[in-house]
Amino acid sequence: MWLFPFLLILDSFCHVLPYRYDGEGKFNDYGFWARSNRYELVLGPISQGEAAAERFLIGHLPRADFVLALTTRGEGSLDSLTGTRVLLRNNRLGCVVIDETFSMEQWSVLEDVEATKSYTTYRKGDMVATTEYVGADRKVYSFQRTGENSCGGWGTFFESDPYSTYTLSLEMGNTGNMRSDISIVLRSGGMK
């Protein structure tokens, strides 16, 4: 009898209960004890070939720092993603959270070694390094984000608002002969 009220009170402080997502895609909550990437939302696969535009309605996300990434599996090259534009809009506030265009020079690319020809790509926002001197001969470096927009986006990183829904638009150029599965993945906890 006392267990349920106790869990509700505990959940209000540290979110132990699984989150109930209400939008498009496949949402996973790996639980309170997950070391990283507790929440994951997979949208896709994305249509390929001629120029395409996809739209997804993302429901209320839990309050967390998320990174939006493009993933590819199979034949093809990430070069064919050049010019792909990702636009994430907060529907409640009416502001743009993410507006980024893919380029190999600016986005970070991770290759999945276990599954060949699998790539995950995302973009960190701009940073400025500052140097502080501690004592006569010791330097301390710190990094500060620059270019964070008014809606909290920084590159393809953002802090979600649990009271808002989001619209995600993906505009792709002609992917040509690319024969791979392309998906959009949102993960909390960042990329490792």
N, C-alpha and C. Protein backbone atom coordinates (compact mmCIF):
# COMPACT_ATOMS: atom_id res chain seq x y z
N MET A 1 0.82 -1.19 0.00
CA MET A 1 0.00 0.00 0.00
C MET A 1 0.87 1.27 0.00
N TRP A 2 1.95 1.26 0.72
CA TRP A 2 2.81 2.43 0.81
C TRP A 2 3.83 2.48 -0.33
N LEU A 3 4.03 1.36 -1.06
CA LEU A 3 5.06 1.29 -2.08
C LEU A 3 4.78 2.22 -3.26
N PHE A 4 3.54 2.26 -3.75
CA PHE A 4 3.21 3.09 -4.91
C PHE A 4 3.40 4.58 -4.63
N PRO A 5 2.88 5.13 -3.51
CA PRO A 5 3.15 6.55 -3.24
C PRO A 5 4.64 6.84 -3.06
N PHE A 6 5.37 5.90 -2.46
CA PHE A 6 6.81 6.07 -2.29
C PHE A 6 7.51 6.17 -3.65
N LEU A 7 7.14 5.29 -4.61
CA LEU A 7 7.74 5.32 -5.94
C LEU A 7 7.41 6.60 -6.68
N LEU A 8 6.19 7.10 -6.52
CA LEU A 8 5.82 8.36 -7.18
C LEU A 8 6.63 9.53 -6.64
N ILE A 9 6.82 9.57 -5.33
CA ILE A 9 7.63 10.64 -4.72
C ILE A 9 9.08 10.51 -5.17
N LEU A 10 9.60 9.28 -5.15
CA LEU A 10 10.98 9.05 -5.58
C LEU A 10 11.15 9.41 -7.05
N ASP A 11 10.17 9.08 -7.87
CA ASP A 11 10.25 9.37 -9.30
C ASP A 11 10.25 10.88 -9.57
N SER A 12 9.56 11.64 -8.76
CA SER A 12 9.54 13.08 -8.97
C SER A 12 10.92 13.70 -8.76
N PHE A 13 11.79 13.04 -8.01
CA PHE A 13 13.13 13.55 -7.77
C PHE A 13 14.18 12.96 -8.70
N CYS A 14 14.10 11.67 -8.99
CA CYS A 14 15.18 11.07 -9.79
C CYS A 14 14.69 10.18 -10.92
N HIS A 15 13.45 10.23 -11.29
CA HIS A 15 12.91 9.55 -12.47
C HIS A 15 13.29 8.08 -12.55
N VAL A 16 12.84 7.29 -11.56
CA VAL A 16 13.13 5.86 -11.56
C VAL A 16 12.16 5.07 -12.41
N LEU A 17 10.95 5.56 -12.56
CA LEU A 17 9.95 4.84 -13.34
C LEU A 17 10.20 5.07 -14.83
N PRO A 18 9.86 4.08 -15.68
CA PRO A 18 10.06 4.25 -17.13
C PRO A 18 9.23 5.41 -17.66
N TYR A 19 9.79 6.13 -18.63
CA TYR A 19 9.12 7.28 -19.21
C TYR A 19 8.14 6.81 -20.28
N ARG A 20 6.97 7.45 -20.35
CA ARG A 20 5.96 7.08 -21.35
C ARG A 20 5.96 8.14 -22.45
N TYR A 21 6.48 7.75 -23.59
CA TYR A 21 6.63 8.63 -24.74
C TYR A 21 5.37 8.57 -25.61
N ASP A 22 5.01 9.71 -26.26
CA ASP A 22 3.76 9.74 -27.02
C ASP A 22 3.91 10.31 -28.43
N GLY A 23 5.00 10.03 -29.11
CA GLY A 23 5.19 10.56 -30.46
C GLY A 23 5.57 9.48 -31.44
N GLU A 24 6.06 9.89 -32.61
CA GLU A 24 6.48 8.94 -33.64
C GLU A 24 7.82 8.32 -33.28
N GLY A 25 8.12 7.18 -33.91
CA GLY A 25 9.40 6.52 -33.72
C GLY A 25 9.36 5.49 -32.62
N LYS A 26 10.50 4.86 -32.42
CA LYS A 26 10.64 3.84 -31.38
C LYS A 26 11.43 4.44 -30.22
N PHE A 27 10.79 4.57 -29.06
CA PHE A 27 11.41 5.19 -27.89
C PHE A 27 11.82 4.11 -26.90
N ASN A 28 13.05 4.19 -26.42
CA ASN A 28 13.55 3.25 -25.40
C ASN A 28 13.99 4.02 -24.17
N ASP A 29 13.58 3.51 -23.01
CA ASP A 29 14.06 4.01 -21.73
C ASP A 29 14.85 2.88 -21.11
N TYR A 30 16.16 3.01 -21.05
CA TYR A 30 17.01 1.93 -20.55
C TYR A 30 17.09 1.90 -19.03
N GLY A 31 16.34 2.77 -18.38
CA GLY A 31 16.22 2.70 -16.94
C GLY A 31 17.12 3.66 -16.17
N PHE A 32 16.74 3.85 -14.93
CA PHE A 32 17.42 4.78 -14.04
C PHE A 32 18.90 4.45 -13.87
N TRP A 33 19.24 3.16 -13.91
CA TRP A 33 20.61 2.75 -13.63
C TRP A 33 21.50 2.73 -14.87
N ALA A 34 20.99 3.15 -16.01
CA ALA A 34 21.80 3.18 -17.24
C ALA A 34 22.99 4.12 -17.04
N ARG A 35 24.17 3.69 -17.44
CA ARG A 35 25.37 4.50 -17.25
C ARG A 35 25.38 5.71 -18.18
N SER A 36 24.92 5.53 -19.40
CA SER A 36 24.84 6.64 -20.35
C SER A 36 23.72 6.34 -21.32
N ASN A 37 23.28 7.36 -22.01
CA ASN A 37 22.24 7.21 -23.01
C ASN A 37 21.01 6.48 -22.47
N ARG A 38 20.45 7.00 -21.39
CA ARG A 38 19.26 6.38 -20.81
C ARG A 38 18.10 6.35 -21.80
N TYR A 39 17.88 7.46 -22.49
CA TYR A 39 16.77 7.55 -23.43
C TYR A 39 17.29 7.50 -24.86
N GLU A 40 16.54 6.80 -25.72
CA GLU A 40 16.90 6.73 -27.13
C GLU A 40 15.62 6.72 -27.96
N LEU A 41 15.59 7.56 -28.98
CA LEU A 41 14.46 7.63 -29.90
C LEU A 41 15.00 7.41 -31.31
N VAL A 42 14.47 6.40 -32.01
CA VAL A 42 14.91 6.09 -33.36
C VAL A 42 13.78 6.42 -34.33
N LEU A 43 14.08 7.26 -35.31
CA LEU A 43 13.13 7.65 -36.35
C LEU A 43 13.66 7.19 -37.68
N GLY A 44 12.85 6.52 -38.45
CA GLY A 44 13.30 6.06 -39.76
C GLY A 44 12.86 4.64 -39.98
N PRO A 45 13.26 4.03 -41.05
CA PRO A 45 14.24 4.45 -42.04
C PRO A 45 13.72 5.57 -42.94
N ILE A 46 14.66 6.31 -43.50
CA ILE A 46 14.37 7.46 -44.35
C ILE A 46 14.37 7.01 -45.81
N SER A 47 13.44 7.54 -46.59
CA SER A 47 13.39 7.24 -48.03
C SER A 47 14.65 7.75 -48.70
N GLN A 48 15.11 7.04 -49.73
CA GLN A 48 16.32 7.43 -50.46
C GLN A 48 16.04 7.52 -51.94
N GLY A 49 17.01 8.04 -52.65
CA GLY A 49 16.89 8.16 -54.10
C GLY A 49 16.85 9.61 -54.49
N GLU A 50 15.74 10.03 -55.09
CA GLU A 50 15.57 11.43 -55.48
C GLU A 50 15.52 12.29 -54.22
N ALA A 51 15.59 13.59 -54.42
CA ALA A 51 15.53 14.51 -53.28
C ALA A 51 14.28 14.21 -52.46
N ALA A 52 14.43 14.13 -51.15
CA ALA A 52 13.32 13.74 -50.28
C ALA A 52 13.23 14.68 -49.08
N ALA A 53 12.04 14.77 -48.54
CA ALA A 53 11.81 15.53 -47.31
C ALA A 53 10.96 14.66 -46.40
N GLU A 54 11.38 14.53 -45.17
CA GLU A 54 10.65 13.74 -44.17
C GLU A 54 10.30 14.65 -43.00
N ARG A 55 9.14 14.40 -42.38
CA ARG A 55 8.73 15.14 -41.18
C ARG A 55 8.30 14.13 -40.13
N PHE A 56 8.70 14.41 -38.89
CA PHE A 56 8.33 13.55 -37.77
C PHE A 56 7.79 14.42 -36.65
N LEU A 57 6.77 13.94 -35.98
CA LEU A 57 6.26 14.60 -34.78
C LEU A 57 6.84 13.88 -33.58
N ILE A 58 7.62 14.62 -32.81
CA ILE A 58 8.26 14.05 -31.62
C ILE A 58 7.43 14.49 -30.43
N GLY A 59 6.96 13.52 -29.67
CA GLY A 59 6.11 13.81 -28.52
C GLY A 59 6.90 14.41 -27.38
N HIS A 60 6.28 14.48 -26.24
CA HIS A 60 6.90 15.04 -25.05
C HIS A 60 8.09 14.17 -24.63
N LEU A 61 9.28 14.74 -24.68
CA LEU A 61 10.48 14.03 -24.25
C LEU A 61 10.75 14.30 -22.78
N PRO A 62 11.41 13.40 -22.08
CA PRO A 62 11.78 13.69 -20.70
C PRO A 62 12.82 14.81 -20.67
N ARG A 63 12.89 15.53 -19.56
CA ARG A 63 13.90 16.59 -19.46
C ARG A 63 15.28 15.93 -19.40
N ALA A 64 16.07 16.17 -20.42
CA ALA A 64 17.41 15.60 -20.50
C ALA A 64 18.16 16.32 -21.62
N ASP A 65 19.48 16.18 -21.61
CA ASP A 65 20.30 16.69 -22.72
C ASP A 65 20.31 15.61 -23.79
N PHE A 66 19.91 15.98 -25.01
CA PHE A 66 19.86 15.04 -26.12
C PHE A 66 20.84 15.46 -27.21
N VAL A 67 21.28 14.47 -27.98
CA VAL A 67 22.04 14.73 -29.21
C VAL A 67 21.28 14.05 -30.34
N LEU A 68 21.13 14.77 -31.45
CA LEU A 68 20.48 14.24 -32.63
C LEU A 68 21.57 13.79 -33.59
N ALA A 69 21.47 12.55 -34.06
CA ALA A 69 22.50 12.00 -34.94
C ALA A 69 21.85 11.34 -36.15
N LEU A 70 22.57 11.34 -37.26
CA LEU A 70 22.17 10.56 -38.44
C LEU A 70 22.96 9.27 -38.41
N THR A 71 22.30 8.14 -38.65
CA THR A 71 23.00 6.86 -38.70
C THR A 71 22.77 6.22 -40.06
N THR A 72 23.79 5.57 -40.57
CA THR A 72 23.68 4.83 -41.84
C THR A 72 24.22 3.43 -41.63
N ARG A 73 23.61 2.47 -42.30
CA ARG A 73 24.08 1.08 -42.28
C ARG A 73 23.99 0.54 -43.71
N GLY A 74 25.03 -0.16 -44.15
CA GLY A 74 24.99 -0.79 -45.46
C GLY A 74 25.90 -0.11 -46.46
N GLU A 75 25.68 -0.42 -47.73
CA GLU A 75 26.49 0.12 -48.81
C GLU A 75 26.27 1.62 -48.94
N GLY A 76 27.27 2.30 -49.43
CA GLY A 76 27.13 3.73 -49.66
C GLY A 76 28.13 4.51 -48.84
N SER A 77 28.12 5.78 -49.02
CA SER A 77 29.10 6.63 -48.37
C SER A 77 28.40 7.78 -47.69
N LEU A 78 29.01 8.26 -46.62
CA LEU A 78 28.46 9.43 -45.93
C LEU A 78 28.53 10.67 -46.81
N ASP A 79 29.41 10.67 -47.82
CA ASP A 79 29.51 11.82 -48.72
C ASP A 79 28.18 12.13 -49.38
N SER A 80 27.37 11.09 -49.59
CA SER A 80 26.08 11.32 -50.26
C SER A 80 25.09 12.02 -49.33
N LEU A 81 25.42 12.15 -48.05
CA LEU A 81 24.56 12.91 -47.13
C LEU A 81 24.85 14.41 -47.18
N THR A 82 25.90 14.80 -47.91
CA THR A 82 26.28 16.21 -47.99
C THR A 82 25.09 17.04 -48.45
N GLY A 83 24.83 18.11 -47.72
CA GLY A 83 23.70 18.97 -48.04
C GLY A 83 22.42 18.60 -47.32
N THR A 84 22.41 17.49 -46.58
CA THR A 84 21.22 17.10 -45.83
C THR A 84 20.99 18.10 -44.71
N ARG A 85 19.79 18.61 -44.61
CA ARG A 85 19.46 19.63 -43.61
C ARG A 85 18.54 19.03 -42.55
N VAL A 86 18.88 19.28 -41.29
CA VAL A 86 18.08 18.82 -40.16
C VAL A 86 17.52 20.05 -39.46
N LEU A 87 16.21 20.09 -39.28
CA LEU A 87 15.54 21.23 -38.65
C LEU A 87 14.62 20.71 -37.56
N LEU A 88 14.86 21.12 -36.31
CA LEU A 88 14.03 20.72 -35.18
C LEU A 88 13.39 21.97 -34.60
N ARG A 89 12.06 21.95 -34.54
CA ARG A 89 11.30 23.11 -34.07
C ARG A 89 10.52 22.73 -32.80
N ASN A 90 10.59 23.60 -31.79
CA ASN A 90 9.80 23.45 -30.57
C ASN A 90 8.41 24.00 -30.86
N ASN A 91 7.40 23.15 -30.87
CA ASN A 91 6.04 23.56 -31.26
C ASN A 91 5.38 24.48 -30.23
N ARG A 92 5.66 24.28 -28.95
CA ARG A 92 5.04 25.11 -27.91
C ARG A 92 5.61 26.53 -27.91
N LEU A 93 6.92 26.64 -28.01
CA LEU A 93 7.58 27.95 -27.98
C LEU A 93 7.68 28.59 -29.36
N GLY A 94 7.51 27.80 -30.42
CA GLY A 94 7.57 28.32 -31.77
C GLY A 94 8.96 28.74 -32.21
N CYS A 95 9.98 28.13 -31.64
CA CYS A 95 11.35 28.51 -32.00
C CYS A 95 12.10 27.32 -32.59
N VAL A 96 13.16 27.61 -33.31
CA VAL A 96 14.00 26.59 -33.92
C VAL A 96 15.07 26.17 -32.92
N VAL A 97 15.15 24.87 -32.65
CA VAL A 97 16.13 24.33 -31.71
C VAL A 97 17.40 23.93 -32.44
N ILE A 98 17.25 23.24 -33.57
CA ILE A 98 18.39 22.80 -34.37
C ILE A 98 18.12 23.15 -35.82
N ASP A 99 19.11 23.74 -36.47
CA ASP A 99 19.05 24.00 -37.91
C ASP A 99 20.47 23.80 -38.43
N GLU A 100 20.77 22.59 -38.85
CA GLU A 100 22.13 22.23 -39.27
C GLU A 100 22.11 21.54 -40.62
N THR A 101 23.13 21.77 -41.41
CA THR A 101 23.30 21.10 -42.69
C THR A 101 24.55 20.24 -42.62
N PHE A 102 24.41 18.98 -43.02
CA PHE A 102 25.51 18.02 -42.92
C PHE A 102 26.65 18.37 -43.86
N SER A 103 27.86 18.33 -43.33
CA SER A 103 29.07 18.38 -44.14
C SER A 103 30.15 17.58 -43.42
N MET A 104 30.93 16.86 -44.19
CA MET A 104 31.96 15.99 -43.61
C MET A 104 32.98 16.79 -42.80
N GLU A 105 33.19 18.07 -43.15
CA GLU A 105 34.19 18.87 -42.47
C GLU A 105 33.75 19.31 -41.08
N GLN A 106 32.45 19.48 -40.87
CA GLN A 106 31.97 20.05 -39.61
C GLN A 106 31.34 19.04 -38.66
N TRP A 107 30.91 17.90 -39.17
CA TRP A 107 30.23 16.92 -38.32
C TRP A 107 31.22 15.84 -37.87
N SER A 108 31.02 15.34 -36.66
CA SER A 108 31.84 14.24 -36.15
C SER A 108 31.24 12.93 -36.64
N VAL A 109 32.12 11.99 -37.01
CA VAL A 109 31.67 10.71 -37.54
C VAL A 109 32.25 9.59 -36.69
N LEU A 110 31.39 8.69 -36.24
CA LEU A 110 31.82 7.50 -35.51
C LEU A 110 31.56 6.29 -36.38
N GLU A 111 32.52 5.40 -36.48
CA GLU A 111 32.32 4.17 -37.24
C GLU A 111 32.13 3.03 -36.25
N ASP A 112 31.07 2.25 -36.47
CA ASP A 112 30.80 1.10 -35.61
C ASP A 112 31.70 -0.03 -36.08
N VAL A 113 32.69 -0.40 -35.26
CA VAL A 113 33.67 -1.39 -35.67
C VAL A 113 33.06 -2.78 -35.77
N GLU A 114 32.11 -3.09 -34.89
CA GLU A 114 31.55 -4.44 -34.89
C GLU A 114 30.63 -4.68 -36.08
N ALA A 115 29.85 -3.69 -36.45
CA ALA A 115 28.95 -3.82 -37.60
C ALA A 115 29.56 -3.01 -38.74
N THR A 116 30.15 -3.68 -39.71
CA THR A 116 30.85 -2.97 -40.77
C THR A 116 29.92 -2.06 -41.55
N LYS A 117 30.48 -0.99 -42.05
CA LYS A 117 29.77 0.00 -42.84
C LYS A 117 28.59 0.60 -42.08
N SER A 118 28.78 0.88 -40.81
CA SER A 118 27.76 1.54 -40.00
C SER A 118 28.38 2.81 -39.43
N TYR A 119 27.71 3.94 -39.65
CA TYR A 119 28.24 5.23 -39.23
C TYR A 119 27.20 6.01 -38.44
N THR A 120 27.65 6.75 -37.47
CA THR A 120 26.81 7.69 -36.74
C THR A 120 27.48 9.04 -36.84
N THR A 121 26.72 10.07 -37.17
CA THR A 121 27.30 11.39 -37.35
C THR A 121 26.45 12.45 -36.65
N TYR A 122 27.10 13.39 -36.02
CA TYR A 122 26.44 14.47 -35.28
C TYR A 122 27.33 15.70 -35.34
N ARG A 123 26.82 16.84 -34.85
CA ARG A 123 27.63 18.06 -34.89
C ARG A 123 27.63 18.74 -33.53
N LYS A 124 28.82 18.96 -33.01
CA LYS A 124 28.97 19.78 -31.82
C LYS A 124 28.93 21.24 -32.24
N GLY A 125 28.43 22.09 -31.39
CA GLY A 125 28.43 23.52 -31.68
C GLY A 125 29.82 24.10 -31.52
N ASP A 126 29.94 25.37 -31.73
CA ASP A 126 31.24 26.03 -31.62
C ASP A 126 31.61 26.25 -30.16
N MET A 127 32.92 26.25 -29.90
CA MET A 127 33.43 26.46 -28.54
C MET A 127 34.61 27.41 -28.59
N VAL A 128 34.82 28.10 -27.48
CA VAL A 128 35.96 29.00 -27.34
C VAL A 128 36.77 28.53 -26.13
N ALA A 129 38.07 28.37 -26.32
CA ALA A 129 38.94 27.97 -25.22
C ALA A 129 39.45 29.21 -24.50
N THR A 130 39.40 29.16 -23.19
CA THR A 130 39.95 30.26 -22.39
C THR A 130 41.06 29.69 -21.50
N THR A 131 42.04 30.49 -21.24
CA THR A 131 43.17 30.07 -20.42
C THR A 131 43.19 30.90 -19.15
N GLU A 132 43.33 30.20 -18.04
CA GLU A 132 43.48 30.89 -16.75
C GLU A 132 44.79 30.41 -16.13
N TYR A 133 45.48 31.31 -15.49
CA TYR A 133 46.73 30.94 -14.83
C TYR A 133 46.49 30.71 -13.35
N VAL A 134 46.98 29.56 -12.89
CA VAL A 134 46.92 29.24 -11.48
C VAL A 134 48.36 29.16 -11.01
N GLY A 135 48.77 30.11 -10.24
CA GLY A 135 50.17 30.16 -9.84
C GLY A 135 51.01 30.70 -10.98
N ALA A 136 52.32 30.58 -10.86
CA ALA A 136 53.22 31.17 -11.84
C ALA A 136 53.39 30.32 -13.09
N ASP A 137 53.29 29.00 -12.95
CA ASP A 137 53.62 28.16 -14.10
C ASP A 137 52.54 27.14 -14.48
N ARG A 138 51.36 27.27 -13.98
CA ARG A 138 50.31 26.28 -14.27
C ARG A 138 49.13 26.94 -14.98
N LYS A 139 48.76 26.36 -16.13
CA LYS A 139 47.63 26.87 -16.89
C LYS A 139 46.43 25.94 -16.73
N VAL A 140 45.25 26.52 -16.70
CA VAL A 140 44.01 25.76 -16.66
C VAL A 140 43.19 26.19 -17.87
N TYR A 141 42.76 25.23 -18.66
CA TYR A 141 41.96 25.53 -19.85
C TYR A 141 40.51 25.20 -19.58
N SER A 142 39.64 26.04 -20.07
CA SER A 142 38.22 25.74 -19.99
C SER A 142 37.58 26.09 -21.33
N PHE A 143 36.50 25.42 -21.64
CA PHE A 143 35.83 25.63 -22.91
C PHE A 143 34.42 26.14 -22.65
N GLN A 144 34.01 27.11 -23.42
CA GLN A 144 32.67 27.66 -23.30
C GLN A 144 31.97 27.54 -24.64
N ARG A 145 30.69 27.17 -24.57
CA ARG A 145 29.89 27.08 -25.78
C ARG A 145 29.64 28.47 -26.35
N THR A 146 29.71 28.57 -27.66
CA THR A 146 29.32 29.80 -28.33
C THR A 146 28.31 29.43 -29.41
N GLY A 147 27.48 30.35 -29.76
CA GLY A 147 26.51 30.09 -30.81
C GLY A 147 25.31 29.29 -30.38
N GLU A 148 25.09 29.17 -29.06
CA GLU A 148 23.89 28.46 -28.59
C GLU A 148 22.69 29.34 -28.92
N ASN A 149 21.68 28.75 -29.55
CA ASN A 149 20.55 29.58 -29.97
C ASN A 149 19.57 29.84 -28.82
N SER A 150 18.60 30.70 -29.06
CA SER A 150 17.67 31.12 -27.99
C SER A 150 16.78 30.00 -27.51
N CYS A 151 16.67 28.92 -28.27
CA CYS A 151 15.81 27.80 -27.87
C CYS A 151 16.64 26.66 -27.26
N GLY A 152 17.92 26.90 -27.02
CA GLY A 152 18.74 25.92 -26.31
C GLY A 152 19.51 24.95 -27.18
N GLY A 153 19.46 25.09 -28.50
CA GLY A 153 20.20 24.19 -29.37
C GLY A 153 21.65 24.62 -29.53
N TRP A 154 22.53 23.65 -29.68
CA TRP A 154 23.95 23.90 -29.85
C TRP A 154 24.49 22.81 -30.78
N GLY A 155 24.67 23.13 -32.05
CA GLY A 155 24.97 22.07 -33.02
C GLY A 155 23.73 21.19 -33.13
N THR A 156 23.92 19.88 -32.96
CA THR A 156 22.76 18.98 -32.92
C THR A 156 22.47 18.52 -31.49
N PHE A 157 22.95 19.28 -30.51
CA PHE A 157 22.69 19.00 -29.10
C PHE A 157 21.59 19.94 -28.60
N PHE A 158 20.75 19.48 -27.67
CA PHE A 158 19.74 20.35 -27.09
C PHE A 158 19.23 19.76 -25.78
N GLU A 159 18.69 20.65 -24.93
CA GLU A 159 18.02 20.18 -23.71
C GLU A 159 16.53 20.18 -23.99
N SER A 160 15.90 19.03 -23.78
CA SER A 160 14.49 18.89 -24.11
C SER A 160 13.61 19.58 -23.08
N ASP A 161 12.45 20.00 -23.53
CA ASP A 161 11.43 20.62 -22.69
C ASP A 161 10.29 19.62 -22.57
N PRO A 162 10.03 19.04 -21.39
CA PRO A 162 9.02 18.00 -21.26
C PRO A 162 7.59 18.48 -21.53
N TYR A 163 7.37 19.79 -21.60
CA TYR A 163 6.03 20.31 -21.85
C TYR A 163 5.80 20.60 -23.32
N SER A 164 6.81 20.38 -24.16
CA SER A 164 6.72 20.72 -25.58
C SER A 164 6.73 19.47 -26.45
N THR A 165 6.11 19.61 -27.62
CA THR A 165 6.30 18.63 -28.68
C THR A 165 7.22 19.29 -29.70
N TYR A 166 7.80 18.48 -30.57
CA TYR A 166 8.75 18.97 -31.55
C TYR A 166 8.38 18.46 -32.93
N THR A 167 8.71 19.23 -33.94
CA THR A 167 8.59 18.78 -35.32
C THR A 167 10.00 18.71 -35.89
N LEU A 168 10.36 17.54 -36.39
CA LEU A 168 11.68 17.33 -36.98
C LEU A 168 11.52 17.20 -38.49
N SER A 169 12.22 18.04 -39.22
CA SER A 169 12.20 17.98 -40.68
C SER A 169 13.59 17.61 -41.17
N LEU A 170 13.63 16.72 -42.14
CA LEU A 170 14.88 16.29 -42.74
C LEU A 170 14.75 16.47 -44.24
N GLU A 171 15.63 17.28 -44.82
CA GLU A 171 15.64 17.52 -46.26
C GLU A 171 16.91 16.92 -46.82
N MET A 172 16.76 15.96 -47.72
CA MET A 172 17.91 15.28 -48.30
C MET A 172 17.99 15.58 -49.79
N GLY A 173 19.20 15.77 -50.27
CA GLY A 173 19.42 15.89 -51.70
C GLY A 173 19.30 14.52 -52.33
N ASN A 174 19.65 14.41 -53.57
CA ASN A 174 19.62 13.13 -54.27
C ASN A 174 20.71 12.24 -53.69
N THR A 175 20.32 11.11 -53.07
CA THR A 175 21.30 10.21 -52.46
C THR A 175 21.90 9.26 -53.48
N GLY A 176 21.49 9.39 -54.73
CA GLY A 176 22.10 8.61 -55.81
C GLY A 176 21.98 7.12 -55.60
N ASN A 177 23.12 6.43 -55.70
CA ASN A 177 23.13 4.97 -55.61
C ASN A 177 23.34 4.46 -54.20
N MET A 178 23.13 5.29 -53.22
CA MET A 178 23.34 4.87 -51.84
C MET A 178 22.34 3.80 -51.47
N ARG A 179 22.84 2.64 -51.05
CA ARG A 179 21.96 1.54 -50.67
C ARG A 179 22.17 1.23 -49.19
N SER A 180 21.79 2.15 -48.37
CA SER A 180 21.95 1.93 -46.93
C SER A 180 20.70 2.40 -46.22
N ASP A 181 20.54 1.93 -44.99
CA ASP A 181 19.43 2.38 -44.15
C ASP A 181 19.88 3.65 -43.46
N ILE A 182 19.09 4.70 -43.57
CA ILE A 182 19.39 5.96 -42.88
C ILE A 182 18.31 6.18 -41.84
N SER A 183 18.72 6.48 -40.63
CA SER A 183 17.79 6.77 -39.54
C SER A 183 18.26 8.00 -38.79
N ILE A 184 17.35 8.57 -38.03
CA ILE A 184 17.68 9.66 -37.12
C ILE A 184 17.57 9.10 -35.72
N VAL A 185 18.58 9.35 -34.91
CA VAL A 185 18.59 8.84 -33.54
C VAL A 185 18.78 10.01 -32.58
N LEU A 186 17.93 10.09 -31.56
CA LEU A 186 18.10 11.06 -30.48
C LEU A 186 18.49 10.27 -29.24
N ARG A 187 19.60 10.65 -28.61
CA ARG A 187 20.05 9.95 -27.40
C ARG A 187 20.32 10.96 -26.31
N SER A 188 19.96 10.60 -25.10
CA SER A 188 20.32 11.44 -23.96
C SER A 188 21.66 10.98 -23.43
N GLY A 189 22.40 11.91 -22.90
CA GLY A 189 23.70 11.55 -22.34
C GLY A 189 24.85 11.80 -23.29
N GLY A 190 24.55 12.12 -24.54
CA GLY A 190 25.61 12.45 -25.49
C GLY A 190 26.18 11.25 -26.18
N MET A 191 27.08 11.51 -27.12
CA MET A 191 27.74 10.45 -27.87
C MET A 191 29.05 10.11 -27.19
N LYS A 192 29.38 8.86 -27.17
CA LYS A 192 30.62 8.41 -26.53
C LYS A 192 31.67 8.10 -27.56
